[in-house]
Amino acid sequence: MSIIELQQVIPAPNKRFVAWQAFAIVSLFFLLEFVARIEPSLASSQIAKWFGLSNGGFGTLSSIFFWVYAPMQLVVGLALDKYLGKKFCYLYDRVGWSNYQKRRMIKEMIPVDIMQSVAVDDFPYDNENSDNLLKKMIYEGKIQYYLNCMLPKVADTLKWRYTKRQLNWAEKYENKIWSYLVEKKLLFSSEQSEIQKLTGDGPYTSAFTDVSAPRAGSFIGYKIVEKYMKNNKNVSLKELMEENDERKILAGAKYNP
């Protein structure tokens, strides 16, 4: 069932009721914030006396409140911004999210997004020396391979952010995607428009039909990396992620779909 059909089947909650709920929650947090900030200062002298604290020590003790706020902001931010689920698609409409983006706003995507962020942070893309389509494809393929190793039980549709139809399309037309890249001599193209077209996110890959899977170039990059690791079983995941020579990986993969 599509997102649009879900919106028709699941009625949107009463907007006035939702507004009052939001107001009540914000008011409650304001009250808690008031107590957390003001109450200790009123009793500061007594607390310092009880625990034998200097002014500096009392300041350190007071900062404990913020140690709790910091991680909770991350958790609440993740939940509110991206993972409200299909039931609240109408909220994403207000900020202009596309249907392909709204489809991913589900709690099942949380481990995928977190692990992908870890991978990108630990192994950032190096575009200082050179930047071409093959390099970007291999990098995206390595990130995907990392996700597969870290989240083996998570569905491929979630890890790829594909629908089942899109995943089937990518698997079915792997050979034709590769042929297109070779025939058009795009592998070593440094044209950013071409790189974006084949590895950038979207509802589909604009180089192909509107029923194609998005990031078709990244899918081929993953297949190359997968073949490379099968041919080089002594290479560890860490060694793979740190390998920045895309030509070495392509040659070692002996990729020929």
C-alpha atoms as a PDB file:
ATOM      1  CA  MET A   1       0.000   0.000   0.000  1.00  0.00           C
ATOM      2  CA  SER A   2       1.392   3.382  -1.001  1.00  0.00           C
ATOM      3  CA  ILE A   3       1.866   6.384   1.282  1.00  0.00           C
ATOM      4  CA  ILE A   4      -1.058   8.182  -0.392  1.00  0.00           C
ATOM      5  CA  GLU A   5      -3.341   5.193   0.117  1.00  0.00           C
ATOM      6  CA  LEU A   6      -2.285   4.994   3.771  1.00  0.00           C
ATOM      7  CA  GLN A   7      -3.190   8.632   4.247  1.00  0.00           C
ATOM      8  CA  GLN A   8      -6.658   7.915   2.846  1.00  0.00           C
ATOM      9  CA  VAL A   9      -7.192   4.847   5.040  1.00  0.00           C
ATOM     10  CA  ILE A  10      -5.777   6.272   8.285  1.00  0.00           C
ATOM     11  CA  PRO A  11      -7.638   9.445   9.266  1.00  0.00           C
ATOM     12  CA  ALA A  12      -5.513  12.336  10.509  1.00  0.00           C
ATOM     13  CA  PRO A  13      -5.953  13.076  14.229  1.00  0.00           C
ATOM     14  CA  ASN A  14      -7.995  16.083  15.275  1.00  0.00           C
ATOM     15  CA  LYS A  15      -5.610  19.012  14.790  1.00  0.00           C
ATOM     16  CA  ARG A  16      -7.023  20.989  17.720  1.00  0.00           C
ATOM     17  CA  PHE A  17      -6.556  18.000  20.040  1.00  0.00           C
ATOM     18  CA  VAL A  18      -2.965  17.493  18.814  1.00  0.00           C
ATOM     19  CA  ALA A  19      -2.237  21.192  19.394  1.00  0.00           C
ATOM     20  CA  TRP A  20      -3.465  21.020  23.004  1.00  0.00           C
ATOM     21  CA  GLN A  21      -1.444  17.852  23.563  1.00  0.00           C
ATOM     22  CA  ALA A  22       1.681  19.599  22.304  1.00  0.00           C
ATOM     23  CA  PHE A  23       0.943  22.616  24.516  1.00  0.00           C
ATOM     24  CA  ALA A  24       0.505  20.381  27.588  1.00  0.00           C
ATOM     25  CA  ILE A  25       3.776  18.549  26.925  1.00  0.00           C
ATOM     26  CA  VAL A  26       5.711  21.786  26.415  1.00  0.00           C
ATOM     27  CA  SER A  27       4.175  23.253  29.594  1.00  0.00           C
ATOM     28  CA  LEU A  28       5.163  20.172  31.592  1.00  0.00           C
ATOM     29  CA  PHE A  29       8.749  20.356  30.371  1.00  0.00           C
ATOM     30  CA  PHE A  30       8.853  24.074  31.168  1.00  0.00           C
ATOM     31  CA  LEU A  31       7.732  23.326  34.723  1.00  0.00           C
ATOM     32  CA  LEU A  32      10.361  20.603  35.120  1.00  0.00           C
ATOM     33  CA  GLU A  33      13.000  22.932  33.702  1.00  0.00           C
ATOM     34  CA  PHE A  34      11.951  25.638  36.158  1.00  0.00           C
ATOM     35  CA  VAL A  35      12.247  23.274  39.118  1.00  0.00           C
ATOM     36  CA  ALA A  36      15.581  21.892  37.902  1.00  0.00           C
ATOM     37  CA  ARG A  37      17.106  25.350  37.435  1.00  0.00           C
ATOM     38  CA  ILE A  38      15.568  27.457  40.199  1.00  0.00           C
ATOM     39  CA  GLU A  39      15.112  25.094  43.125  1.00  0.00           C
ATOM     40  CA  PRO A  40      18.810  24.167  43.561  1.00  0.00           C
ATOM     41  CA  SER A  41      19.824  27.835  43.559  1.00  0.00           C
ATOM     42  CA  LEU A  42      17.348  28.576  46.362  1.00  0.00           C
ATOM     43  CA  ALA A  43      18.809  25.808  48.472  1.00  0.00           C
ATOM     44  CA  SER A  44      22.414  26.250  47.331  1.00  0.00           C
ATOM     45  CA  SER A  45      23.809  27.362  50.673  1.00  0.00           C
ATOM     46  CA  GLN A  46      22.151  24.503  52.536  1.00  0.00           C
ATOM     47  CA  ILE A  47      23.231  21.898  49.966  1.00  0.00           C
ATOM     48  CA  ALA A  48      26.828  23.180  49.990  1.00  0.00           C
ATOM     49  CA  LYS A  49      26.823  23.016  53.792  1.00  0.00           C
ATOM     50  CA  TRP A  50      25.481  19.461  53.876  1.00  0.00           C
ATOM     51  CA  PHE A  51      28.059  18.133  51.405  1.00  0.00           C
ATOM     52  CA  GLY A  52      30.915  20.436  52.368  1.00  0.00           C
ATOM     53  CA  LEU A  53      31.153  21.932  48.884  1.00  0.00           C
ATOM     54  CA  SER A  54      32.984  25.031  47.752  1.00  0.00           C
ATOM     55  CA  ASN A  55      31.417  27.374  45.209  1.00  0.00           C
ATOM     56  CA  GLY A  56      33.288  25.578  42.432  1.00  0.00           C
ATOM     57  CA  GLY A  57      32.176  22.180  43.736  1.00  0.00           C
ATOM     58  CA  PHE A  58      28.561  23.282  43.881  1.00  0.00           C
ATOM     59  CA  GLY A  59      28.834  24.530  40.276  1.00  0.00           C
ATOM     60  CA  THR A  60      30.093  21.100  39.184  1.00  0.00           C
ATOM     61  CA  LEU A  61      27.235  19.408  41.046  1.00  0.00           C
ATOM     62  CA  SER A  62      24.702  21.698  39.365  1.00  0.00           C
ATOM     63  CA  SER A  63      26.053  20.816  35.915  1.00  0.00           C
ATOM     64  CA  ILE A  64      24.870  17.225  36.413  1.00  0.00           C
ATOM     65  CA  PHE A  65      21.462  18.349  35.151  1.00  0.00           C
ATOM     66  CA  PHE A  66      22.941  19.172  31.758  1.00  0.00           C
ATOM     67  CA  TRP A  67      24.627  15.773  31.500  1.00  0.00           C
ATOM     68  CA  VAL A  68      21.130  14.307  31.297  1.00  0.00           C
ATOM     69  CA  TYR A  69      19.764  16.929  28.898  1.00  0.00           C
ATOM     70  CA  ALA A  70      22.466  16.454  26.262  1.00  0.00           C
ATOM     71  CA  PRO A  71      21.881  12.742  25.432  1.00  0.00           C
ATOM     72  CA  MET A  72      18.113  13.106  25.769  1.00  0.00           C
ATOM     73  CA  GLN A  73      18.088  15.882  23.179  1.00  0.00           C
ATOM     74  CA  LEU A  74      19.690  13.469  20.740  1.00  0.00           C
ATOM     75  CA  VAL A  75      17.146  10.716  21.440  1.00  0.00           C
ATOM     76  CA  VAL A  76      14.126  13.008  21.360  1.00  0.00           C
ATOM     77  CA  GLY A  77      15.440  14.764  18.263  1.00  0.00           C
ATOM     78  CA  LEU A  78      15.799  11.470  16.409  1.00  0.00           C
ATOM     79  CA  ALA A  79      12.301  10.380  17.382  1.00  0.00           C
ATOM     80  CA  LEU A  80      10.551  13.643  16.538  1.00  0.00           C
ATOM     81  CA  ASP A  81      12.386  14.582  13.360  1.00  0.00           C
ATOM     82  CA  LYS A  82      12.535  11.381  11.373  1.00  0.00           C
ATOM     83  CA  TYR A  83      10.754   8.418  12.895  1.00  0.00           C
ATOM     84  CA  LEU A  84       7.130   9.297  13.629  1.00  0.00           C
ATOM     85  CA  GLY A  85       5.988   6.572  11.241  1.00  0.00           C
ATOM     86  CA  LYS A  86       3.465   6.294   8.428  1.00  0.00           C
ATOM     87  CA  LYS A  87       0.613   7.305  10.713  1.00  0.00           C
ATOM     88  CA  PHE A  88       1.897  10.887  10.784  1.00  0.00           C
ATOM     89  CA  CYS A  89       2.726  11.344   7.115  1.00  0.00           C
ATOM     90  CA  TYR A  90       0.595  14.488   7.032  1.00  0.00           C
ATOM     91  CA  LEU A  91       3.147  16.197   9.307  1.00  0.00           C
ATOM     92  CA  TYR A  92       5.934  15.583   6.812  1.00  0.00           C
ATOM     93  CA  ASP A  93       3.770  17.068   4.057  1.00  0.00           C
ATOM     94  CA  ARG A  94       3.925  20.399   5.861  1.00  0.00           C
ATOM     95  CA  VAL A  95       7.700  20.585   5.594  1.00  0.00           C
ATOM     96  CA  GLY A  96       7.782  19.476   1.969  1.00  0.00           C
ATOM     97  CA  TRP A  97       9.136  15.949   2.278  1.00  0.00           C
ATOM     98  CA  SER A  98       8.756  13.835  -0.864  1.00  0.00           C
ATOM     99  CA  ASN A  99       6.935  10.507  -0.837  1.00  0.00           C
ATOM    100  CA  TYR A 100      10.162   8.508  -1.181  1.00  0.00           C
ATOM    101  CA  GLN A 101      11.538  10.299   1.896  1.00  0.00           C
ATOM    102  CA  LYS A 102       8.367   9.907   3.968  1.00  0.00           C
ATOM    103  CA  ARG A 103       8.396   6.172   3.316  1.00  0.00           C
ATOM    104  CA  ARG A 104      11.633   5.927   5.334  1.00  0.00           C
ATOM    105  CA  MET A 105      10.352   7.808   8.385  1.00  0.00           C
ATOM    106  CA  ILE A 106       9.779   4.661  10.434  1.00  0.00           C
ATOM    107  CA  LYS A 107      11.369   3.364  13.619  1.00  0.00           C
ATOM    108  CA  GLU A 108      12.886   0.377  11.785  1.00  0.00           C
ATOM    109  CA  MET A 109      15.249   2.810  10.079  1.00  0.00           C
ATOM    110  CA  ILE A 110      16.832   3.981  13.350  1.00  0.00           C
ATOM    111  CA  PRO A 111      19.584   1.296  13.581  1.00  0.00           C
ATOM    112  CA  VAL A 112      20.325   1.671   9.860  1.00  0.00           C
ATOM    113  CA  ASP A 113      20.683   5.453  10.052  1.00  0.00           C
ATOM    114  CA  ILE A 114      22.770   5.285  13.220  1.00  0.00           C
ATOM    115  CA  MET A 115      25.122   2.628  11.835  1.00  0.00           C
ATOM    116  CA  GLN A 116      25.480   4.496   8.557  1.00  0.00           C
ATOM    117  CA  SER A 117      26.378   7.664  10.468  1.00  0.00           C
ATOM    118  CA  VAL A 118      29.015   5.702  12.403  1.00  0.00           C
ATOM    119  CA  ALA A 119      30.480   4.325   9.177  1.00  0.00           C
ATOM    120  CA  VAL A 120      30.599   7.711   7.450  1.00  0.00           C
ATOM    121  CA  ASP A 121      32.112   9.347  10.545  1.00  0.00           C
ATOM    122  CA  ASP A 122      34.772   6.655  11.030  1.00  0.00           C
ATOM    123  CA  PHE A 123      35.561   6.344   7.310  1.00  0.00           C
ATOM    124  CA  PRO A 124      34.847   9.698   5.636  1.00  0.00           C
ATOM    125  CA  TYR A 125      34.856  10.142   1.875  1.00  0.00           C
ATOM    126  CA  ASP A 126      38.206  11.383   0.571  1.00  0.00           C
ATOM    127  CA  ASN A 127      37.691  13.739  -2.355  1.00  0.00           C
ATOM    128  CA  GLU A 128      40.873  15.749  -1.946  1.00  0.00           C
ATOM    129  CA  ASN A 129      43.093  13.760  -4.311  1.00  0.00           C
ATOM    130  CA  SER A 130      40.560  12.992  -7.028  1.00  0.00           C
ATOM    131  CA  ASP A 131      36.842  12.633  -7.440  1.00  0.00           C
ATOM    132  CA  ASN A 132      35.176  10.511 -10.082  1.00  0.00           C
ATOM    133  CA  LEU A 133      32.142   8.292 -10.433  1.00  0.00           C
ATOM    134  CA  LEU A 134      33.973   5.029  -9.747  1.00  0.00           C
ATOM    135  CA  LYS A 135      35.460   6.407  -6.544  1.00  0.00           C
ATOM    136  CA  LYS A 136      32.051   7.515  -5.314  1.00  0.00           C
ATOM    137  CA  MET A 137      30.469   4.205  -6.318  1.00  0.00           C
ATOM    138  CA  ILE A 138      33.104   2.181  -4.475  1.00  0.00           C
ATOM    139  CA  TYR A 139      32.825   4.378  -1.394  1.00  0.00           C
ATOM    140  CA  GLU A 140      29.037   4.003  -1.280  1.00  0.00           C
ATOM    141  CA  GLY A 141      29.477   0.281  -1.883  1.00  0.00           C
ATOM    142  CA  LYS A 142      31.853   0.023   1.079  1.00  0.00           C
ATOM    143  CA  ILE A 143      29.364   1.813   3.322  1.00  0.00           C
ATOM    144  CA  GLN A 144      26.670  -0.618   2.220  1.00  0.00           C
ATOM    145  CA  TYR A 145      28.952  -3.597   2.802  1.00  0.00           C
ATOM    146  CA  TYR A 146      29.691  -2.233   6.281  1.00  0.00           C
ATOM    147  CA  LEU A 147      25.950  -2.051   6.988  1.00  0.00           C
ATOM    148  CA  ASN A 148      25.505  -5.645   5.866  1.00  0.00           C
ATOM    149  CA  CYS A 149      28.257  -6.792   8.237  1.00  0.00           C
ATOM    150  CA  MET A 150      26.951  -4.768  11.186  1.00  0.00           C
ATOM    151  CA  LEU A 151      23.231  -5.425  10.612  1.00  0.00           C
ATOM    152  CA  PRO A 152      23.008  -8.910   9.074  1.00  0.00           C
ATOM    153  CA  LYS A 153      19.428  -9.490  10.233  1.00  0.00           C
ATOM    154  CA  VAL A 154      18.021  -6.198   8.955  1.00  0.00           C
ATOM    155  CA  ALA A 155      16.125  -6.418   5.673  1.00  0.00           C
ATOM    156  CA  ASP A 156      17.993  -5.332   2.555  1.00  0.00           C
ATOM    157  CA  THR A 157      15.108  -3.037   1.631  1.00  0.00           C
ATOM    158  CA  LEU A 158      15.750  -1.048   4.814  1.00  0.00           C
ATOM    159  CA  LYS A 159      19.516  -0.949   4.409  1.00  0.00           C
ATOM    160  CA  TRP A 160      19.187   0.206   0.807  1.00  0.00           C
ATOM    161  CA  ARG A 161      16.133   2.389   1.496  1.00  0.00           C
ATOM    162  CA  TYR A 162      14.468   0.615  -1.416  1.00  0.00           C
ATOM    163  CA  THR A 163      11.016  -0.765  -1.950  1.00  0.00           C
ATOM    164  CA  LYS A 164      10.886  -4.478  -2.794  1.00  0.00           C
ATOM    165  CA  ARG A 165      10.143  -3.521  -6.379  1.00  0.00           C
ATOM    166  CA  GLN A 166      13.197  -1.273  -6.564  1.00  0.00           C
ATOM    167  CA  LEU A 167      15.469  -3.913  -5.050  1.00  0.00           C
ATOM    168  CA  ASN A 168      14.184  -6.481  -7.539  1.00  0.00           C
ATOM    169  CA  TRP A 169      14.788  -3.990 -10.359  1.00  0.00           C
ATOM    170  CA  ALA A 170      18.387  -3.403  -9.260  1.00  0.00           C
ATOM    171  CA  GLU A 171      19.094  -7.128  -9.027  1.00  0.00           C
ATOM    172  CA  LYS A 172      17.422  -7.851 -12.367  1.00  0.00           C
ATOM    173  CA  TYR A 173      19.160  -5.081 -14.329  1.00  0.00           C
ATOM    174  CA  GLU A 174      22.587  -5.210 -12.696  1.00  0.00           C
ATOM    175  CA  ASN A 175      24.178  -6.244 -15.989  1.00  0.00           C
ATOM    176  CA  LYS A 176      22.474  -3.472 -17.952  1.00  0.00           C
ATOM    177  CA  ILE A 177      23.425  -0.801 -15.409  1.00  0.00           C
ATOM    178  CA  TRP A 178      27.057  -1.865 -15.630  1.00  0.00           C
ATOM    179  CA  SER A 179      26.912  -1.962 -19.435  1.00  0.00           C
ATOM    180  CA  TYR A 180      25.490   1.554 -19.476  1.00  0.00           C
ATOM    181  CA  LEU A 181      28.337   2.868 -17.313  1.00  0.00           C
ATOM    182  CA  VAL A 182      30.978   1.199 -19.479  1.00  0.00           C
ATOM    183  CA  GLU A 183      29.466   2.100 -22.851  1.00  0.00           C
ATOM    184  CA  LYS A 184      28.994   5.749 -21.858  1.00  0.00           C
ATOM    185  CA  LYS A 185      32.557   5.816 -20.439  1.00  0.00           C
ATOM    186  CA  LEU A 186      31.288   7.196 -17.150  1.00  0.00           C
ATOM    187  CA  LEU A 187      33.361   5.238 -14.641  1.00  0.00           C
ATOM    188  CA  PHE A 188      36.140   7.805 -14.499  1.00  0.00           C
ATOM    189  CA  SER A 189      33.985  10.825 -15.203  1.00  0.00           C
ATOM    190  CA  SER A 190      34.542  13.737 -12.827  1.00  0.00           C
ATOM    191  CA  GLU A 191      31.364  15.528 -13.907  1.00  0.00           C
ATOM    192  CA  GLN A 192      29.475  16.223 -10.696  1.00  0.00           C
ATOM    193  CA  SER A 193      26.143  16.112 -12.520  1.00  0.00           C
ATOM    194  CA  GLU A 194      26.824  12.540 -13.635  1.00  0.00           C
ATOM    195  CA  ILE A 195      28.059  11.491 -10.199  1.00  0.00           C
ATOM    196  CA  GLN A 196      24.977  12.970  -8.549  1.00  0.00           C
ATOM    197  CA  LYS A 197      22.674  11.422 -11.134  1.00  0.00           C
ATOM    198  CA  LEU A 198      23.961   7.892 -10.484  1.00  0.00           C
ATOM    199  CA  THR A 199      24.768   7.983  -6.754  1.00  0.00           C
ATOM    200  CA  GLY A 200      22.597  10.783  -5.365  1.00  0.00           C
ATOM    201  CA  ASP A 201      19.400  10.069  -3.496  1.00  0.00           C
ATOM    202  CA  GLY A 202      15.995  10.420  -5.119  1.00  0.00           C
ATOM    203  CA  PRO A 203      12.827   8.519  -6.009  1.00  0.00           C
ATOM    204  CA  TYR A 204      14.684   6.760  -8.864  1.00  0.00           C
ATOM    205  CA  THR A 205      17.883   6.999 -10.932  1.00  0.00           C
ATOM    206  CA  SER A 206      17.217   9.676 -13.524  1.00  0.00           C
ATOM    207  CA  ALA A 207      19.543   8.013 -16.056  1.00  0.00           C
ATOM    208  CA  PHE A 208      17.033   5.182 -16.278  1.00  0.00           C
ATOM    209  CA  THR A 209      13.252   4.852 -16.089  1.00  0.00           C
ATOM    210  CA  ASP A 210      11.033   6.186 -13.309  1.00  0.00           C
ATOM    211  CA  VAL A 211      10.565   2.634 -12.003  1.00  0.00           C
ATOM    212  CA  SER A 212      14.294   2.182 -11.477  1.00  0.00           C
ATOM    213  CA  ALA A 213      15.980   1.985  -8.099  1.00  0.00           C
ATOM    214  CA  PRO A 214      17.630   5.181  -6.841  1.00  0.00           C
ATOM    215  CA  ARG A 215      21.440   5.302  -6.562  1.00  0.00           C
ATOM    216  CA  ALA A 216      21.920   2.628  -9.227  1.00  0.00           C
ATOM    217  CA  GLY A 217      25.626   3.497  -9.411  1.00  0.00           C
ATOM    218  CA  SER A 218      26.012   2.900  -5.676  1.00  0.00           C
ATOM    219  CA  PHE A 219      24.331  -0.487  -6.093  1.00  0.00           C
ATOM    220  CA  ILE A 220      26.943  -1.476  -8.679  1.00  0.00           C
ATOM    221  CA  GLY A 221      29.638  -0.142  -6.350  1.00  0.00           C
ATOM    222  CA  TYR A 222      28.378  -2.490  -3.641  1.00  0.00           C
ATOM    223  CA  LYS A 223      28.400  -5.438  -6.038  1.00  0.00           C
ATOM    224  CA  ILE A 224      32.015  -4.671  -6.934  1.00  0.00           C
ATOM    225  CA  VAL A 225      32.997  -4.462  -3.258  1.00  0.00           C
ATOM    226  CA  GLU A 226      31.116  -7.678  -2.479  1.00  0.00           C
ATOM    227  CA  LYS A 227      32.956  -9.505  -5.265  1.00  0.00           C
ATOM    228  CA  TYR A 228      36.268  -8.022  -4.121  1.00  0.00           C
ATOM    229  CA  MET A 229      35.768  -9.358  -0.600  1.00  0.00           C
ATOM    230  CA  LYS A 230      34.820 -12.796  -1.934  1.00  0.00           C
ATOM    231  CA  ASN A 231      38.013 -12.909  -3.982  1.00  0.00           C
ATOM    232  CA  ASN A 232      40.169 -11.596  -1.131  1.00  0.00           C
ATOM    233  CA  LYS A 233      39.060 -13.428   1.995  1.00  0.00           C
ATOM    234  CA  ASN A 234      42.165 -12.327   3.914  1.00  0.00           C
ATOM    235  CA  VAL A 235      41.065  -8.668   3.753  1.00  0.00           C
ATOM    236  CA  SER A 236      39.359  -7.533   6.961  1.00  0.00           C
ATOM    237  CA  LEU A 237      36.435  -5.148   7.100  1.00  0.00           C
ATOM    238  CA  LYS A 238      38.665  -2.449   8.584  1.00  0.00           C
ATOM    239  CA  GLU A 239      41.224  -2.899   5.818  1.00  0.00           C
ATOM    240  CA  LEU A 240      38.479  -2.653   3.219  1.00  0.00           C
ATOM    241  CA  MET A 241      37.078   0.548   4.686  1.00  0.00           C
ATOM    242  CA  GLU A 242      40.540   2.125   4.845  1.00  0.00           C
ATOM    243  CA  GLU A 243      41.389   1.203   1.257  1.00  0.00           C
ATOM    244  CA  ASN A 244      40.955   4.367  -0.842  1.00  0.00           C
ATOM    245  CA  ASP A 245      42.284   3.027  -4.148  1.00  0.00           C
ATOM    246  CA  GLU A 246      39.112   2.393  -6.137  1.00  0.00           C
ATOM    247  CA  ARG A 247      41.063   1.002  -9.100  1.00  0.00           C
ATOM    248  CA  LYS A 248      42.676  -1.632  -6.870  1.00  0.00           C
ATOM    249  CA  ILE A 249      39.272  -2.737  -5.607  1.00  0.00           C
ATOM    250  CA  LEU A 250      37.843  -2.873  -9.138  1.00  0.00           C
ATOM    251  CA  ALA A 251      40.809  -4.914 -10.385  1.00  0.00           C
ATOM    252  CA  GLY A 252      40.690  -7.242  -7.374  1.00  0.00           C
ATOM    253  CA  ALA A 253      36.976  -7.804  -7.793  1.00  0.00           C
ATOM    254  CA  LYS A 254      37.274  -8.990 -11.414  1.00  0.00           C
ATOM    255  CA  TYR A 255      33.707  -7.792 -11.681  1.00  0.00           C
ATOM    256  CA  ASN A 256      31.793  -8.992 -14.728  1.00  0.00           C
ATOM    257  CA  PRO A 257      28.042  -9.343 -14.110  1.00  0.00           C
END
